[in-house]
Amino acid sequence: MKTKKYVIAIAIFGGMLFLANAANSFEQNGEQTAKIEKKLRKIPTKG
């Protein structure tokens, strides 16, 4: 029973570390958002 509690505690702690790492991998300040750059296309007039 004691080892079962240790295994559960380690699993919870590992899950917390994983979630903290995943949250830090995303920049949440909005500076590195994906921007779509629009280019003007020239439409041929007679073609």
PDB file of N, CA and C in Angstrom:
ATOM      1  N   MET A   1       0.828  -1.196   0.000  1.00  0.00           N
ATOM      2  CA  MET A   1       0.000   0.000   0.000  1.00  0.00           C
ATOM      3  C   MET A   1       0.870   1.257   0.000  1.00  0.00           C
ATOM      4  N   LYS A   2       2.012   1.178   0.657  1.00  0.00           N
ATOM      5  CA  LYS A   2       2.898   2.326   0.723  1.00  0.00           C
ATOM      6  C   LYS A   2       3.515   2.617  -0.644  1.00  0.00           C
ATOM      7  N   THR A   3       3.896   1.578  -1.354  1.00  0.00           N
ATOM      8  CA  THR A   3       4.490   1.785  -2.677  1.00  0.00           C
ATOM      9  C   THR A   3       3.452   2.312  -3.663  1.00  0.00           C
ATOM     10  N   LYS A   4       2.206   1.902  -3.491  1.00  0.00           N
ATOM     11  CA  LYS A   4       1.147   2.390  -4.363  1.00  0.00           C
ATOM     12  C   LYS A   4       0.989   3.903  -4.208  1.00  0.00           C
ATOM     13  N   LYS A   5       1.072   4.403  -3.003  1.00  0.00           N
ATOM     14  CA  LYS A   5       0.963   5.839  -2.766  1.00  0.00           C
ATOM     15  C   LYS A   5       2.142   6.579  -3.375  1.00  0.00           C
ATOM     16  N   TYR A   6       3.331   5.987  -3.271  1.00  0.00           N
ATOM     17  CA  TYR A   6       4.506   6.614  -3.872  1.00  0.00           C
ATOM     18  C   TYR A   6       4.385   6.670  -5.393  1.00  0.00           C
ATOM     19  N   VAL A   7       3.893   5.612  -5.994  1.00  0.00           N
ATOM     20  CA  VAL A   7       3.744   5.570  -7.447  1.00  0.00           C
ATOM     21  C   VAL A   7       2.732   6.616  -7.891  1.00  0.00           C
ATOM     22  N   ILE A   8       1.631   6.740  -7.175  1.00  0.00           N
ATOM     23  CA  ILE A   8       0.621   7.744  -7.521  1.00  0.00           C
ATOM     24  C   ILE A   8       1.185   9.146  -7.358  1.00  0.00           C
ATOM     25  N   ALA A   9       1.945   9.381  -6.287  1.00  0.00           N
ATOM     26  CA  ALA A   9       2.530  10.701  -6.065  1.00  0.00           C
ATOM     27  C   ALA A   9       3.531  11.056  -7.162  1.00  0.00           C
ATOM     28  N   ILE A  10       4.336  10.089  -7.573  1.00  0.00           N
ATOM     29  CA  ILE A  10       5.310  10.335  -8.642  1.00  0.00           C
ATOM     30  C   ILE A  10       4.596  10.587  -9.964  1.00  0.00           C
ATOM     31  N   ALA A  11       3.515   9.861 -10.229  1.00  0.00           N
ATOM     32  CA  ALA A  11       2.766  10.065 -11.469  1.00  0.00           C
ATOM     33  C   ALA A  11       2.134  11.456 -11.504  1.00  0.00           C
ATOM     34  N   ILE A  12       1.583  11.893 -10.401  1.00  0.00           N
ATOM     35  CA  ILE A  12       0.982  13.231 -10.351  1.00  0.00           C
ATOM     36  C   ILE A  12       2.049  14.299 -10.521  1.00  0.00           C
ATOM     37  N   PHE A  13       3.181  14.127  -9.846  1.00  0.00           N
ATOM     38  CA  PHE A  13       4.265  15.097  -9.950  1.00  0.00           C
ATOM     39  C   PHE A  13       4.810  15.157 -11.371  1.00  0.00           C
ATOM     40  N   GLY A  14       4.967  14.020 -12.014  1.00  0.00           N
ATOM     41  CA  GLY A  14       5.436  13.982 -13.400  1.00  0.00           C
ATOM     42  C   GLY A  14       4.450  14.643 -14.346  1.00  0.00           C
ATOM     43  N   GLY A  15       3.163  14.436 -14.103  1.00  0.00           N
ATOM     44  CA  GLY A  15       2.147  15.086 -14.923  1.00  0.00           C
ATOM     45  C   GLY A  15       2.173  16.591 -14.769  1.00  0.00           C
ATOM     46  N   MET A  16       2.401  17.064 -13.553  1.00  0.00           N
ATOM     47  CA  MET A  16       2.488  18.500 -13.322  1.00  0.00           C
ATOM     48  C   MET A  16       3.698  19.089 -14.048  1.00  0.00           C
ATOM     49  N   LEU A  17       4.823  18.387 -14.005  1.00  0.00           N
ATOM     50  CA  LEU A  17       6.016  18.870 -14.701  1.00  0.00           C
ATOM     51  C   LEU A  17       5.801  18.905 -16.212  1.00  0.00           C
ATOM     52  N   PHE A  18       5.117  17.878 -16.718  1.00  0.00           N
ATOM     53  CA  PHE A  18       4.834  17.834 -18.157  1.00  0.00           C
ATOM     54  C   PHE A  18       3.947  18.998 -18.575  1.00  0.00           C
ATOM     55  N   LEU A  19       2.905  19.276 -17.803  1.00  0.00           N
ATOM     56  CA  LEU A  19       2.006  20.374 -18.150  1.00  0.00           C
ATOM     57  C   LEU A  19       2.700  21.726 -18.035  1.00  0.00           C
ATOM     58  N   ALA A  20       3.572  21.882 -17.057  1.00  0.00           N
ATOM     59  CA  ALA A  20       4.301  23.140 -16.917  1.00  0.00           C
ATOM     60  C   ALA A  20       5.239  23.340 -18.098  1.00  0.00           C
ATOM     61  N   ASN A  21       5.870  22.274 -18.557  1.00  0.00           N
ATOM     62  CA  ASN A  21       6.770  22.365 -19.704  1.00  0.00           C
ATOM     63  C   ASN A  21       5.985  22.691 -20.975  1.00  0.00           C
ATOM     64  N   ALA A  22       4.825  22.079 -21.133  1.00  0.00           N
ATOM     65  CA  ALA A  22       4.012  22.338 -22.322  1.00  0.00           C
ATOM     66  C   ALA A  22       3.483  23.768 -22.317  1.00  0.00           C
ATOM     67  N   ALA A  23       3.132  24.284 -21.150  1.00  0.00           N
ATOM     68  CA  ALA A  23       2.628  25.653 -21.072  1.00  0.00           C
ATOM     69  C   ALA A  23       3.733  26.660 -21.351  1.00  0.00           C
ATOM     70  N   ASN A  24       4.951  26.360 -20.968  1.00  0.00           N
ATOM     71  CA  ASN A  24       6.054  27.287 -21.199  1.00  0.00           C
ATOM     72  C   ASN A  24       6.546  27.262 -22.637  1.00  0.00           C
ATOM     73  N   SER A  25       6.206  26.220 -23.379  1.00  0.00           N
ATOM     74  CA  SER A  25       6.668  26.149 -24.754  1.00  0.00           C
ATOM     75  C   SER A  25       5.898  27.103 -25.660  1.00  0.00           C
ATOM     76  N   PHE A  26       4.733  27.539 -25.226  1.00  0.00           N
ATOM     77  CA  PHE A  26       3.947  28.497 -25.991  1.00  0.00           C
ATOM     78  C   PHE A  26       4.179  29.890 -25.431  1.00  0.00           C
ATOM     79  N   GLU A  27       4.458  30.823 -26.317  1.00  0.00           N
ATOM     80  CA  GLU A  27       4.612  32.215 -25.904  1.00  0.00           C
ATOM     81  C   GLU A  27       3.220  32.823 -25.823  1.00  0.00           C
ATOM     82  N   GLN A  28       2.862  33.320 -24.659  1.00  0.00           N
ATOM     83  CA  GLN A  28       1.516  33.831 -24.465  1.00  0.00           C
ATOM     84  C   GLN A  28       1.462  35.352 -24.468  1.00  0.00           C
ATOM     85  N   ASN A  29       2.552  36.015 -24.803  1.00  0.00           N
ATOM     86  CA  ASN A  29       2.545  37.470 -24.799  1.00  0.00           C
ATOM     87  C   ASN A  29       2.090  38.055 -26.125  1.00  0.00           C
ATOM     88  N   GLY A  30       1.844  37.239 -27.115  1.00  0.00           N
ATOM     89  CA  GLY A  30       1.285  37.705 -28.375  1.00  0.00           C
ATOM     90  C   GLY A  30       2.286  38.282 -29.351  1.00  0.00           C
ATOM     91  N   GLU A  31       3.562  38.236 -29.052  1.00  0.00           N
ATOM     92  CA  GLU A  31       4.552  38.805 -29.961  1.00  0.00           C
ATOM     93  C   GLU A  31       4.890  37.862 -31.107  1.00  0.00           C
ATOM     94  N   GLN A  32       4.747  36.594 -30.891  1.00  0.00           N
ATOM     95  CA  GLN A  32       5.141  35.626 -31.901  1.00  0.00           C
ATOM     96  C   GLN A  32       3.931  34.930 -32.497  1.00  0.00           C
ATOM     97  N   THR A  33       2.906  35.676 -32.822  1.00  0.00           N
ATOM     98  CA  THR A  33       1.732  35.077 -33.439  1.00  0.00           C
ATOM     99  C   THR A  33       1.970  34.924 -34.926  1.00  0.00           C
ATOM    100  N   ALA A  34       1.289  34.001 -35.527  1.00  0.00           N
ATOM    101  CA  ALA A  34       1.440  33.764 -36.956  1.00  0.00           C
ATOM    102  C   ALA A  34       0.697  34.856 -37.710  1.00  0.00           C
ATOM    103  N   LYS A  35       1.413  35.548 -38.562  1.00  0.00           N
ATOM    104  CA  LYS A  35       0.820  36.624 -39.335  1.00  0.00           C
ATOM    105  C   LYS A  35       0.753  36.201 -40.794  1.00  0.00           C
ATOM    106  N   ILE A  36      -0.362  36.511 -41.404  1.00  0.00           N
ATOM    107  CA  ILE A  36      -0.537  36.207 -42.819  1.00  0.00           C
ATOM    108  C   ILE A  36      -0.217  37.473 -43.596  1.00  0.00           C
ATOM    109  N   GLU A  37       0.778  37.375 -44.439  1.00  0.00           N
ATOM    110  CA  GLU A  37       1.169  38.529 -45.243  1.00  0.00           C
ATOM    111  C   GLU A  37       0.454  38.448 -46.588  1.00  0.00           C
ATOM    112  N   LYS A  38      -0.301  39.476 -46.862  1.00  0.00           N
ATOM    113  CA  LYS A  38      -1.046  39.507 -48.114  1.00  0.00           C
ATOM    114  C   LYS A  38      -0.204  40.217 -49.173  1.00  0.00           C
ATOM    115  N   LYS A  39      -0.103  39.603 -50.329  1.00  0.00           N
ATOM    116  CA  LYS A  39       0.620  40.180 -51.440  1.00  0.00           C
ATOM    117  C   LYS A  39      -0.384  40.587 -52.526  1.00  0.00           C
ATOM    118  N   LEU A  40      -0.167  41.747 -53.082  1.00  0.00           N
ATOM    119  CA  LEU A  40      -1.029  42.175 -54.163  1.00  0.00           C
ATOM    120  C   LEU A  40      -0.665  41.423 -55.432  1.00  0.00           C
ATOM    121  N   ARG A  41      -1.678  40.887 -56.063  1.00  0.00           N
ATOM    122  CA  ARG A  41      -1.457  40.150 -57.304  1.00  0.00           C
ATOM    123  C   ARG A  41      -1.841  41.032 -58.480  1.00  0.00           C
ATOM    124  N   LYS A  42      -1.002  41.017 -59.471  1.00  0.00           N
ATOM    125  CA  LYS A  42      -1.299  41.781 -60.679  1.00  0.00           C
ATOM    126  C   LYS A  42      -2.177  40.951 -61.589  1.00  0.00           C
ATOM    127  N   ILE A  43      -3.318  41.517 -61.909  1.00  0.00           N
ATOM    128  CA  ILE A  43      -4.250  40.819 -62.783  1.00  0.00           C
ATOM    129  C   ILE A  43      -3.999  41.294 -64.204  1.00  0.00           C
ATOM    130  N   PRO A  44      -3.733  40.370 -65.116  1.00  0.00           N
ATOM    131  CA  PRO A  44      -3.496  40.791 -66.490  1.00  0.00           C
ATOM    132  C   PRO A  44      -4.781  41.374 -67.096  1.00  0.00           C
ATOM    133  N   THR A  45      -4.649  42.485 -67.787  1.00  0.00           N
ATOM    134  CA  THR A  45      -5.833  43.171 -68.316  1.00  0.00           C
ATOM    135  C   THR A  45      -6.347  42.505 -69.576  1.00  0.00           C
ATOM    136  N   LYS A  46      -5.464  42.020 -70.421  1.00  0.00           N
ATOM    137  CA  LYS A  46      -5.913  41.432 -71.691  1.00  0.00           C
ATOM    138  C   LYS A  46      -5.350  40.026 -71.842  1.00  0.00           C
ATOM    139  N   GLY A  47      -5.755  39.197 -70.962  1.00  0.00           N
ATOM    140  CA  GLY A  47      -5.146  37.912 -71.120  1.00  0.00           C
ATOM    141  C   GLY A  47      -5.829  36.852 -70.395  1.00  0.00           C
TER     142      GLY A  47
END
